Amino acid sequence: MKDLMTNQSIPGTVIAFSINGTNVWTEGFGYTDVENDVITHKDSIWRLASISKPLTSALIGRLMDKKLIDLNHDIHRYLSPDFYPYKTFNGSAVNITLFSYESWWPSAGIISTASDLIRFGNSMLSAYKGHNKDFLSEETVKELWTPETIGKIKPKDMKDEYAKGWFVTQIAEPYPYRTQIWHAGGLLGTSTMLILFPNQNIVGVAFANKGWTVGLDQLILSVAKNFEEFL
């Protein structure tokens, strides 16, 4: 951790792990606010950035379980036929707003702590194994974690598949942590990583308060390997 922070000039980080649903390690390093000497601790609050996507996926999954949404239906079953993010044609001259506060809305602005994100990861794993139907059904989690195939174009050297708000990585045997369900996030001043290992029932989380930090995934993997003797 110290090498990662030193090499990339990262002020502060948090790392957290759980095994079989029990939080076994949560710790903060460095500073949340360097200027005011605010030390990073295990309950520091972070912007999740694109880890907001797995959270959104879980919310959609709950709607699926309640039969309020069907992913196989046309989108206009839920949105009006004239709904589009933008239109290229049939425009008209209108007055424009020269200044708007709408641009100040947060991008992927969900905030959380490492411990809470660990709880979310454990909720997903327990639902995946059929033990948390009040959260999500086993069938729905499997649907959310099934990579998309229709209309997909992927670089040949990319080993990761993308499901519904989650990346899915399958590594060939004999690597013990061959199945990884994960997502990363990056914004100005924030890097986040969440990795679930379904076969080992491990959840790993890492945060850094520097945008687009490299190596949080490898940090989680290297620590997770040390837990093999406890599984």
C-alpha atoms as a PDB file:
ATOM      1  CA  MET A   1       0.000   0.000   0.000  1.00  0.00           C
ATOM      2  CA  LYS A   2       2.764   2.453   0.932  1.00  0.00           C
ATOM      3  CA  ASP A   3       4.570   1.770  -2.354  1.00  0.00           C
ATOM      4  CA  LEU A   4       1.369   2.416  -4.309  1.00  0.00           C
ATOM      5  CA  MET A   5       0.799   5.707  -2.498  1.00  0.00           C
ATOM      6  CA  THR A   6       4.406   6.848  -2.837  1.00  0.00           C
ATOM      7  CA  ASN A   7       4.820   5.929  -6.505  1.00  0.00           C
ATOM      8  CA  GLN A   8       1.616   7.708  -7.563  1.00  0.00           C
ATOM      9  CA  SER A   9       1.641  10.552  -5.005  1.00  0.00           C
ATOM     10  CA  ILE A  10      -1.671   9.465  -3.474  1.00  0.00           C
ATOM     11  CA  PRO A  11      -2.597  11.418  -0.321  1.00  0.00           C
ATOM     12  CA  GLY A  12      -4.924   8.826   1.202  1.00  0.00           C
ATOM     13  CA  THR A  13      -6.358   5.349   0.715  1.00  0.00           C
ATOM     14  CA  VAL A  14      -8.710   2.889   2.387  1.00  0.00           C
ATOM     15  CA  ILE A  15      -8.741  -0.881   1.932  1.00  0.00           C
ATOM     16  CA  ALA A  16     -11.340  -3.344   3.220  1.00  0.00           C
ATOM     17  CA  PHE A  17     -11.962  -7.094   2.994  1.00  0.00           C
ATOM     18  CA  SER A  18     -14.549  -9.603   4.119  1.00  0.00           C
ATOM     19  CA  ILE A  19     -14.496 -13.410   4.141  1.00  0.00           C
ATOM     20  CA  ASN A  20     -17.722 -15.406   4.322  1.00  0.00           C
ATOM     21  CA  GLY A  21     -19.663 -12.262   5.131  1.00  0.00           C
ATOM     22  CA  THR A  22     -17.428 -11.149   8.009  1.00  0.00           C
ATOM     23  CA  ASN A  23     -15.364  -7.973   7.719  1.00  0.00           C
ATOM     24  CA  VAL A  24     -11.788  -9.031   8.474  1.00  0.00           C
ATOM     25  CA  TRP A  25      -9.872  -5.849   7.651  1.00  0.00           C
ATOM     26  CA  THR A  26     -10.731  -2.197   7.125  1.00  0.00           C
ATOM     27  CA  GLU A  27      -8.001   0.418   7.431  1.00  0.00           C
ATOM     28  CA  GLY A  28      -7.226   3.927   6.255  1.00  0.00           C
ATOM     29  CA  PHE A  29      -3.819   5.251   5.243  1.00  0.00           C
ATOM     30  CA  GLY A  30      -2.498   8.757   4.707  1.00  0.00           C
ATOM     31  CA  TYR A  31      -4.587  11.911   4.579  1.00  0.00           C
ATOM     32  CA  THR A  32      -8.086  12.768   3.436  1.00  0.00           C
ATOM     33  CA  ASP A  33      -7.182  16.471   3.537  1.00  0.00           C
ATOM     34  CA  VAL A  34      -3.462  17.192   3.330  1.00  0.00           C
ATOM     35  CA  GLU A  35      -3.803  20.944   3.779  1.00  0.00           C
ATOM     36  CA  ASN A  36      -5.697  20.605   7.062  1.00  0.00           C
ATOM     37  CA  ASP A  37      -3.941  17.437   8.295  1.00  0.00           C
ATOM     38  CA  VAL A  38      -7.135  15.348   8.245  1.00  0.00           C
ATOM     39  CA  ILE A  39      -6.088  11.714   8.576  1.00  0.00           C
ATOM     40  CA  THR A  40      -7.824   9.050   6.481  1.00  0.00           C
ATOM     41  CA  HIS A  41      -9.634   6.525   8.671  1.00  0.00           C
ATOM     42  CA  LYS A  42     -11.661   3.400   7.999  1.00  0.00           C
ATOM     43  CA  ASP A  43     -14.968   5.301   8.053  1.00  0.00           C
ATOM     44  CA  SER A  44     -13.896   8.090   5.702  1.00  0.00           C
ATOM     45  CA  ILE A  45     -16.546   8.930   3.106  1.00  0.00           C
ATOM     46  CA  TRP A  46     -15.706   8.597  -0.602  1.00  0.00           C
ATOM     47  CA  ARG A  47     -17.343   9.290  -3.923  1.00  0.00           C
ATOM     48  CA  LEU A  48     -17.937   5.946  -5.611  1.00  0.00           C
ATOM     49  CA  ALA A  49     -17.674   7.210  -9.201  1.00  0.00           C
ATOM     50  CA  SER A  50     -18.587   4.381 -11.615  1.00  0.00           C
ATOM     51  CA  ILE A  51     -19.216   1.895  -8.819  1.00  0.00           C
ATOM     52  CA  SER A  52     -22.564   3.694  -8.896  1.00  0.00           C
ATOM     53  CA  LYS A  53     -23.314   1.413 -11.868  1.00  0.00           C
ATOM     54  CA  PRO A  54     -23.415  -1.847  -9.835  1.00  0.00           C
ATOM     55  CA  LEU A  55     -25.635  -0.097  -7.286  1.00  0.00           C
ATOM     56  CA  THR A  56     -27.981   1.022 -10.058  1.00  0.00           C
ATOM     57  CA  SER A  57     -27.911  -2.520 -11.447  1.00  0.00           C
ATOM     58  CA  ALA A  58     -29.008  -3.897  -8.068  1.00  0.00           C
ATOM     59  CA  LEU A  59     -31.877  -1.396  -7.886  1.00  0.00           C
ATOM     60  CA  ILE A  60     -33.046  -2.462 -11.347  1.00  0.00           C
ATOM     61  CA  GLY A  61     -32.762  -6.075 -10.185  1.00  0.00           C
ATOM     62  CA  ARG A  62     -35.120  -5.358  -7.302  1.00  0.00           C
ATOM     63  CA  LEU A  63     -37.614  -3.920  -9.790  1.00  0.00           C
ATOM     64  CA  MET A  64     -37.215  -7.102 -11.846  1.00  0.00           C
ATOM     65  CA  ASP A  65     -37.979  -9.276  -8.814  1.00  0.00           C
ATOM     66  CA  LYS A  66     -41.116  -7.239  -8.135  1.00  0.00           C
ATOM     67  CA  LYS A  67     -42.225  -7.664 -11.779  1.00  0.00           C
ATOM     68  CA  LEU A  68     -42.132  -3.896 -12.252  1.00  0.00           C
ATOM     69  CA  ILE A  69     -39.662  -4.041 -15.131  1.00  0.00           C
ATOM     70  CA  ASP A  70     -38.742  -6.599 -17.800  1.00  0.00           C
ATOM     71  CA  LEU A  71     -35.408  -6.124 -19.560  1.00  0.00           C
ATOM     72  CA  ASN A  72     -36.761  -7.878 -22.657  1.00  0.00           C
ATOM     73  CA  HIS A  73     -39.488  -5.291 -23.212  1.00  0.00           C
ATOM     74  CA  ASP A  74     -39.093  -2.333 -25.520  1.00  0.00           C
ATOM     75  CA  ILE A  75     -37.770   0.715 -23.661  1.00  0.00           C
ATOM     76  CA  HIS A  76     -40.834   2.693 -24.712  1.00  0.00           C
ATOM     77  CA  ARG A  77     -42.972   0.457 -22.550  1.00  0.00           C
ATOM     78  CA  TYR A  78     -41.539   2.522 -19.689  1.00  0.00           C
ATOM     79  CA  LEU A  79     -40.707   5.790 -21.471  1.00  0.00           C
ATOM     80  CA  SER A  80     -42.921   7.814 -23.789  1.00  0.00           C
ATOM     81  CA  PRO A  81     -42.466   7.118 -27.545  1.00  0.00           C
ATOM     82  CA  ASP A  82     -41.014  10.582 -28.121  1.00  0.00           C
ATOM     83  CA  PHE A  83     -38.384  10.237 -25.388  1.00  0.00           C
ATOM     84  CA  TYR A  84     -34.798  10.580 -26.631  1.00  0.00           C
ATOM     85  CA  PRO A  85     -31.686  11.964 -24.964  1.00  0.00           C
ATOM     86  CA  TYR A  86     -31.399  14.298 -27.950  1.00  0.00           C
ATOM     87  CA  LYS A  87     -32.792  14.765 -31.461  1.00  0.00           C
ATOM     88  CA  THR A  88     -30.776  15.436 -34.582  1.00  0.00           C
ATOM     89  CA  PHE A  89     -33.651  16.465 -36.805  1.00  0.00           C
ATOM     90  CA  ASN A  90     -36.927  18.359 -36.521  1.00  0.00           C
ATOM     91  CA  GLY A  91     -35.326  20.989 -34.324  1.00  0.00           C
ATOM     92  CA  SER A  92     -36.506  24.556 -33.900  1.00  0.00           C
ATOM     93  CA  ALA A  93     -34.989  27.877 -32.952  1.00  0.00           C
ATOM     94  CA  VAL A  94     -35.499  28.550 -29.243  1.00  0.00           C
ATOM     95  CA  ASN A  95     -34.150  30.857 -26.591  1.00  0.00           C
ATOM     96  CA  ILE A  96     -31.129  29.378 -24.846  1.00  0.00           C
ATOM     97  CA  THR A  97     -30.028  29.533 -21.227  1.00  0.00           C
ATOM     98  CA  LEU A  98     -26.622  31.178 -21.057  1.00  0.00           C
ATOM     99  CA  PHE A  99     -25.970  29.942 -17.532  1.00  0.00           C
ATOM    100  CA  SER A 100     -27.433  26.964 -15.733  1.00  0.00           C
ATOM    101  CA  TYR A 101     -26.693  25.316 -12.421  1.00  0.00           C
ATOM    102  CA  GLU A 102     -27.612  21.915 -13.892  1.00  0.00           C
ATOM    103  CA  SER A 103     -23.982  21.321 -14.862  1.00  0.00           C
ATOM    104  CA  TRP A 104     -23.191  21.271 -11.160  1.00  0.00           C
ATOM    105  CA  TRP A 105     -25.162  18.083 -10.633  1.00  0.00           C
ATOM    106  CA  PRO A 106     -22.819  15.335  -9.394  1.00  0.00           C
ATOM    107  CA  SER A 107     -21.399  12.821 -11.846  1.00  0.00           C
ATOM    108  CA  ALA A 108     -21.790   9.327 -10.403  1.00  0.00           C
ATOM    109  CA  GLY A 109     -22.202  11.187  -7.145  1.00  0.00           C
ATOM    110  CA  ILE A 110     -23.111   8.376  -4.758  1.00  0.00           C
ATOM    111  CA  ILE A 111     -20.985   8.503  -1.606  1.00  0.00           C
ATOM    112  CA  SER A 112     -20.190   5.653   0.756  1.00  0.00           C
ATOM    113  CA  THR A 113     -17.660   4.130   3.111  1.00  0.00           C
ATOM    114  CA  ALA A 114     -15.540   1.058   2.504  1.00  0.00           C
ATOM    115  CA  SER A 115     -17.471  -0.882   5.154  1.00  0.00           C
ATOM    116  CA  ASP A 116     -20.827  -0.087   3.568  1.00  0.00           C
ATOM    117  CA  LEU A 117     -19.559  -1.127   0.143  1.00  0.00           C
ATOM    118  CA  ILE A 118     -18.338  -4.398   1.680  1.00  0.00           C
ATOM    119  CA  ARG A 119     -21.879  -4.937   2.989  1.00  0.00           C
ATOM    120  CA  PHE A 120     -23.247  -4.339  -0.508  1.00  0.00           C
ATOM    121  CA  GLY A 121     -20.800  -6.849  -1.979  1.00  0.00           C
ATOM    122  CA  ASN A 122     -21.778  -9.445   0.606  1.00  0.00           C
ATOM    123  CA  SER A 123     -25.461  -8.844  -0.119  1.00  0.00           C
ATOM    124  CA  MET A 124     -24.785  -9.567  -3.788  1.00  0.00           C
ATOM    125  CA  LEU A 125     -22.830 -12.752  -3.015  1.00  0.00           C
ATOM    126  CA  SER A 126     -25.411 -14.115  -0.584  1.00  0.00           C
ATOM    127  CA  ALA A 127     -28.214 -13.392  -3.065  1.00  0.00           C
ATOM    128  CA  TYR A 128     -26.209 -15.091  -5.822  1.00  0.00           C
ATOM    129  CA  LYS A 129     -26.065 -18.226  -3.654  1.00  0.00           C
ATOM    130  CA  GLY A 130     -29.784 -18.092  -2.884  1.00  0.00           C
ATOM    131  CA  HIS A 131     -29.462 -16.937   0.731  1.00  0.00           C
ATOM    132  CA  ASN A 132     -30.754 -13.363   0.478  1.00  0.00           C
ATOM    133  CA  LYS A 133     -34.009 -13.378  -1.462  1.00  0.00           C
ATOM    134  CA  ASP A 134     -35.276 -10.325   0.396  1.00  0.00           C
ATOM    135  CA  PHE A 135     -32.508  -8.388  -1.339  1.00  0.00           C
ATOM    136  CA  LEU A 136     -32.354 -10.071  -4.761  1.00  0.00           C
ATOM    137  CA  SER A 137     -33.335 -13.464  -6.101  1.00  0.00           C
ATOM    138  CA  GLU A 138     -30.644 -15.886  -7.196  1.00  0.00           C
ATOM    139  CA  GLU A 139     -32.037 -15.864 -10.744  1.00  0.00           C
ATOM    140  CA  THR A 140     -31.889 -12.079 -10.964  1.00  0.00           C
ATOM    141  CA  VAL A 141     -28.288 -11.864  -9.760  1.00  0.00           C
ATOM    142  CA  LYS A 142     -27.267 -14.454 -12.346  1.00  0.00           C
ATOM    143  CA  GLU A 143     -29.045 -12.379 -14.996  1.00  0.00           C
ATOM    144  CA  LEU A 144     -27.257  -9.211 -13.878  1.00  0.00           C
ATOM    145  CA  TRP A 145     -23.913 -11.042 -13.973  1.00  0.00           C
ATOM    146  CA  THR A 146     -24.441 -12.639 -17.392  1.00  0.00           C
ATOM    147  CA  PRO A 147     -22.248 -10.876 -19.998  1.00  0.00           C
ATOM    148  CA  GLU A 148     -24.003  -9.223 -22.905  1.00  0.00           C
ATOM    149  CA  THR A 149     -23.525 -10.784 -26.342  1.00  0.00           C
ATOM    150  CA  ILE A 150     -25.922  -8.948 -28.680  1.00  0.00           C
ATOM    151  CA  GLY A 151     -24.245  -6.244 -30.732  1.00  0.00           C
ATOM    152  CA  LYS A 152     -21.041  -6.490 -28.726  1.00  0.00           C
ATOM    153  CA  ILE A 153     -17.717  -5.487 -30.253  1.00  0.00           C
ATOM    154  CA  LYS A 154     -14.720  -6.109 -28.001  1.00  0.00           C
ATOM    155  CA  PRO A 155     -10.950  -5.728 -28.559  1.00  0.00           C
ATOM    156  CA  LYS A 156      -9.329  -9.128 -29.047  1.00  0.00           C
ATOM    157  CA  ASP A 157      -6.938  -8.666 -26.117  1.00  0.00           C
ATOM    158  CA  MET A 158      -9.680  -7.680 -23.661  1.00  0.00           C
ATOM    159  CA  LYS A 159     -10.341 -10.594 -21.281  1.00  0.00           C
ATOM    160  CA  ASP A 160     -13.122  -8.886 -19.342  1.00  0.00           C
ATOM    161  CA  GLU A 161     -16.793  -9.220 -20.255  1.00  0.00           C
ATOM    162  CA  TYR A 162     -19.389  -6.614 -19.352  1.00  0.00           C
ATOM    163  CA  ALA A 163     -22.697  -7.702 -17.906  1.00  0.00           C
ATOM    164  CA  LYS A 164     -25.431  -5.431 -16.555  1.00  0.00           C
ATOM    165  CA  GLY A 165     -23.459  -2.915 -14.551  1.00  0.00           C
ATOM    166  CA  TRP A 166     -20.688  -5.369 -13.677  1.00  0.00           C
ATOM    167  CA  PHE A 167     -17.462  -6.558 -15.283  1.00  0.00           C
ATOM    168  CA  VAL A 168     -16.993 -10.335 -15.307  1.00  0.00           C
ATOM    169  CA  THR A 169     -13.481 -11.785 -15.558  1.00  0.00           C
ATOM    170  CA  GLN A 170     -12.845 -15.497 -16.045  1.00  0.00           C
ATOM    171  CA  ILE A 171      -9.220 -16.600 -15.731  1.00  0.00           C
ATOM    172  CA  ALA A 172      -8.155 -20.067 -16.852  1.00  0.00           C
ATOM    173  CA  GLU A 173      -7.256 -22.797 -14.370  1.00  0.00           C
ATOM    174  CA  PRO A 174      -5.335 -23.385 -12.150  1.00  0.00           C
ATOM    175  CA  TYR A 175      -5.589 -19.802 -10.862  1.00  0.00           C
ATOM    176  CA  PRO A 176      -7.768 -20.103  -7.711  1.00  0.00           C
ATOM    177  CA  TYR A 177      -9.406 -16.690  -8.034  1.00  0.00           C
ATOM    178  CA  ARG A 178     -10.441 -17.272 -11.623  1.00  0.00           C
ATOM    179  CA  THR A 179     -13.958 -15.782 -11.318  1.00  0.00           C
ATOM    180  CA  GLN A 180     -14.023 -12.078 -10.501  1.00  0.00           C
ATOM    181  CA  ILE A 181     -17.105  -9.841 -10.504  1.00  0.00           C
ATOM    182  CA  TRP A 182     -16.036  -6.246 -10.261  1.00  0.00           C
ATOM    183  CA  HIS A 183     -16.250  -2.594 -11.149  1.00  0.00           C
ATOM    184  CA  ALA A 184     -13.880   0.332 -10.940  1.00  0.00           C
ATOM    185  CA  GLY A 185     -14.530   4.042 -10.744  1.00  0.00           C
ATOM    186  CA  GLY A 186     -12.600   7.196 -11.472  1.00  0.00           C
ATOM    187  CA  LEU A 187     -13.317  10.893 -11.112  1.00  0.00           C
ATOM    188  CA  LEU A 188     -11.175  13.920 -10.423  1.00  0.00           C
ATOM    189  CA  GLY A 189      -9.791  13.214  -6.971  1.00  0.00           C
ATOM    190  CA  THR A 190     -11.315   9.744  -6.641  1.00  0.00           C
ATOM    191  CA  SER A 191     -10.421   6.180  -7.623  1.00  0.00           C
ATOM    192  CA  THR A 192     -12.487   3.215  -6.459  1.00  0.00           C
ATOM    193  CA  MET A 193     -12.404  -0.561  -6.874  1.00  0.00           C
ATOM    194  CA  LEU A 194     -14.837  -3.284  -5.814  1.00  0.00           C
ATOM    195  CA  ILE A 195     -14.062  -6.958  -6.519  1.00  0.00           C
ATOM    196  CA  LEU A 196     -16.213  -9.959  -5.592  1.00  0.00           C
ATOM    197  CA  PHE A 197     -14.767 -13.480  -5.622  1.00  0.00           C
ATOM    198  CA  PRO A 198     -17.855 -15.761  -5.625  1.00  0.00           C
ATOM    199  CA  ASN A 199     -15.955 -19.047  -5.331  1.00  0.00           C
ATOM    200  CA  GLN A 200     -14.030 -17.902  -2.250  1.00  0.00           C
ATOM    201  CA  ASN A 201     -16.820 -15.727  -0.817  1.00  0.00           C
ATOM    202  CA  ILE A 202     -14.417 -12.790  -0.547  1.00  0.00           C
ATOM    203  CA  VAL A 203     -15.198  -9.111  -1.109  1.00  0.00           C
ATOM    204  CA  GLY A 204     -12.424  -6.549  -1.557  1.00  0.00           C
ATOM    205  CA  VAL A 205     -12.675  -2.753  -1.678  1.00  0.00           C
ATOM    206  CA  ALA A 206      -9.997  -0.118  -2.262  1.00  0.00           C
ATOM    207  CA  PHE A 207     -10.357   3.676  -2.431  1.00  0.00           C
ATOM    208  CA  ALA A 208      -7.816   6.377  -3.265  1.00  0.00           C
ATOM    209  CA  ASN A 209      -8.274  10.142  -3.243  1.00  0.00           C
ATOM    210  CA  LYS A 210      -6.479  10.653  -6.522  1.00  0.00           C
ATOM    211  CA  GLY A 211      -8.238  10.320  -9.851  1.00  0.00           C
ATOM    212  CA  TRP A 212      -7.618   7.256 -12.024  1.00  0.00           C
ATOM    213  CA  THR A 213      -5.130   5.578  -9.726  1.00  0.00           C
ATOM    214  CA  VAL A 214      -3.461   2.559 -11.340  1.00  0.00           C
ATOM    215  CA  GLY A 215      -3.137  -0.730  -9.477  1.00  0.00           C
ATOM    216  CA  LEU A 216      -6.048  -0.863  -7.024  1.00  0.00           C
ATOM    217  CA  ASP A 217      -7.211  -4.098  -8.658  1.00  0.00           C
ATOM    218  CA  GLN A 218      -3.802  -5.736  -8.287  1.00  0.00           C
ATOM    219  CA  LEU A 219      -3.640  -4.548  -4.689  1.00  0.00           C
ATOM    220  CA  ILE A 220      -6.922  -6.321  -3.899  1.00  0.00           C
ATOM    221  CA  LEU A 221      -5.820  -9.473  -5.733  1.00  0.00           C
ATOM    222  CA  SER A 222      -2.476  -9.633  -3.944  1.00  0.00           C
ATOM    223  CA  VAL A 223      -4.123  -9.279  -0.535  1.00  0.00           C
ATOM    224  CA  ALA A 224      -6.898 -11.769  -1.364  1.00  0.00           C
ATOM    225  CA  LYS A 225      -4.321 -14.450  -2.159  1.00  0.00           C
ATOM    226  CA  ASN A 226      -3.088 -14.253   1.431  1.00  0.00           C
ATOM    227  CA  PHE A 227      -6.513 -15.356   2.654  1.00  0.00           C
ATOM    228  CA  GLU A 228      -6.342 -18.785   0.996  1.00  0.00           C
ATOM    229  CA  GLU A 229      -5.280 -20.533   4.210  1.00  0.00           C
ATOM    230  CA  PHE A 230      -8.386 -19.238   5.992  1.00  0.00           C
ATOM    231  CA  LEU A 231     -10.888 -20.504   3.400  1.00  0.00           C
END
